[in-house]
Amino acid sequence: MGYEVKDEVDSETLFTAGEDHALKPEDYLRAFERFVREKGLEIEAIAILLNRPREWNTQALNELRQKLIENYFPEHELRKAHKIVYQKELVDIISMVKHAARESEPPC
């Protein structure tokens, strides 16, 4: 009988980014890095943040949040992935984008 068999349950948080389903947190953050690097000039808010920080304002922040949602990277999901990968609780969106764009930036 199966009474002596021990069941083990393992759960892992998985993310979705567009057509990519069931991404591990590390893979989700790599997809985010690719997105930031590929769209950095195309999305004005990212360009401002990375290249013209003196122009950063509330409107740019709102645009950034909206573009991230539209591209499957809502802020709450990015925070969750950062918490899992880097063990950091409170990560702001600005730090996440800078780290994604430039490896030399601290991981938040």
Protein backbone atom coordinates (compact mmCIF):
# COMPACT_ATOMS: atom_id res chain seq x y z
CA MET A 1 0.00 0.00 0.00
CA GLY A 2 1.01 3.64 -0.20
CA TYR A 3 0.94 4.41 3.52
CA GLU A 4 4.68 4.50 3.85
CA VAL A 5 5.17 6.77 0.83
CA LYS A 6 5.86 10.36 1.80
CA ASP A 7 4.38 13.01 -0.46
CA GLU A 8 6.42 16.12 -1.05
CA VAL A 9 4.82 19.30 -2.29
CA ASP A 10 6.93 22.08 -3.69
CA SER A 11 5.49 25.35 -4.87
CA GLU A 12 7.21 28.00 -6.91
CA THR A 13 6.01 31.41 -7.97
CA LEU A 14 5.79 31.66 -11.76
CA PHE A 15 5.21 34.71 -13.94
CA THR A 16 3.80 35.44 -17.38
CA ALA A 17 5.25 37.98 -19.81
CA GLY A 18 3.31 38.10 -23.06
CA GLU A 19 3.54 34.78 -24.83
CA ASP A 20 6.02 33.46 -22.26
CA HIS A 21 4.13 31.56 -19.59
CA ALA A 22 5.39 29.92 -16.43
CA LEU A 23 8.56 31.97 -16.12
CA LYS A 24 10.66 31.53 -13.00
CA PRO A 25 11.37 34.82 -11.21
CA GLU A 26 14.92 34.96 -12.61
CA ASP A 27 13.62 34.44 -16.16
CA TYR A 28 10.90 37.04 -15.67
CA LEU A 29 13.51 39.60 -14.60
CA ARG A 30 15.70 38.68 -17.59
CA ALA A 31 12.69 39.23 -19.87
CA PHE A 32 12.20 42.61 -18.17
CA GLU A 33 15.86 43.47 -18.77
CA ARG A 34 15.49 42.63 -22.47
CA PHE A 35 12.34 44.74 -22.64
CA VAL A 36 14.01 47.77 -21.03
CA ARG A 37 17.08 47.51 -23.25
CA GLU A 38 15.08 46.99 -26.45
CA LYS A 39 12.46 49.66 -25.73
CA GLY A 40 14.65 52.16 -23.89
CA LEU A 41 14.66 54.66 -26.73
CA GLU A 42 11.17 53.88 -27.97
CA ILE A 43 9.37 54.47 -24.66
CA GLU A 44 9.84 58.09 -23.71
CA ALA A 45 9.57 57.51 -19.96
CA ILE A 46 12.42 54.99 -20.01
CA ALA A 47 14.53 57.32 -22.18
CA ILE A 48 13.94 60.17 -19.74
CA LEU A 49 14.77 58.03 -16.73
CA LEU A 50 17.97 56.66 -18.21
CA ASN A 51 19.25 59.55 -20.31
CA ARG A 52 17.62 62.76 -19.11
CA PRO A 53 16.84 62.32 -15.40
CA ARG A 54 16.38 66.08 -14.88
CA GLU A 55 13.25 65.82 -17.03
CA TRP A 56 11.77 63.09 -14.82
CA ASN A 57 8.33 64.01 -13.50
CA THR A 58 5.01 62.56 -12.43
CA GLN A 59 3.79 62.34 -16.01
CA ALA A 60 6.82 60.26 -17.00
CA LEU A 61 6.30 57.98 -13.99
CA ASN A 62 2.65 57.46 -14.94
CA GLU A 63 3.62 56.72 -18.55
CA LEU A 64 6.25 54.25 -17.36
CA ARG A 65 3.76 52.41 -15.17
CA GLN A 66 1.21 52.27 -18.00
CA LYS A 67 3.75 50.99 -20.55
CA LEU A 68 4.92 48.33 -18.13
CA ILE A 69 1.36 47.13 -17.60
CA GLU A 70 0.72 47.08 -21.36
CA ASN A 71 3.83 44.96 -21.84
CA TYR A 72 3.13 42.42 -19.07
CA PHE A 73 5.42 43.92 -16.45
CA PRO A 74 3.09 45.44 -13.83
CA GLU A 75 4.92 47.00 -10.94
CA HIS A 76 3.51 44.60 -8.33
CA GLU A 77 4.75 41.57 -10.31
CA LEU A 78 8.21 43.12 -10.75
CA ARG A 79 8.37 43.81 -7.01
CA LYS A 80 7.38 40.22 -6.26
CA ALA A 81 10.08 38.86 -8.58
CA HIS A 82 12.71 41.21 -7.12
CA LYS A 83 11.76 40.14 -3.61
CA ILE A 84 12.21 36.48 -4.51
CA VAL A 85 15.46 36.90 -6.45
CA TYR A 86 17.19 39.65 -4.46
CA GLN A 87 15.46 39.28 -1.07
CA LYS A 88 14.58 42.98 -1.10
CA GLU A 89 11.17 44.01 0.25
CA LEU A 90 10.59 47.56 -0.94
CA VAL A 91 11.86 48.10 -4.44
CA ASP A 92 10.89 51.19 -6.39
CA ILE A 93 10.17 51.11 -10.10
CA ILE A 94 12.94 53.61 -10.89
CA SER A 95 15.61 51.36 -9.34
CA MET A 96 14.21 48.31 -11.13
CA VAL A 97 14.38 50.00 -14.54
CA LYS A 98 17.90 51.35 -13.94
CA HIS A 99 19.13 47.94 -12.82
CA ALA A 100 17.49 46.28 -15.85
CA ALA A 101 19.14 48.77 -18.20
CA ARG A 102 22.57 48.77 -16.63
CA GLU A 103 24.09 45.81 -14.88
CA SER A 104 26.36 48.17 -12.94
CA GLU A 105 23.32 49.56 -11.09
CA PRO A 106 22.67 47.83 -7.77
CA PRO A 107 19.78 45.35 -7.84
CA CYS A 108 17.69 47.72 -5.75
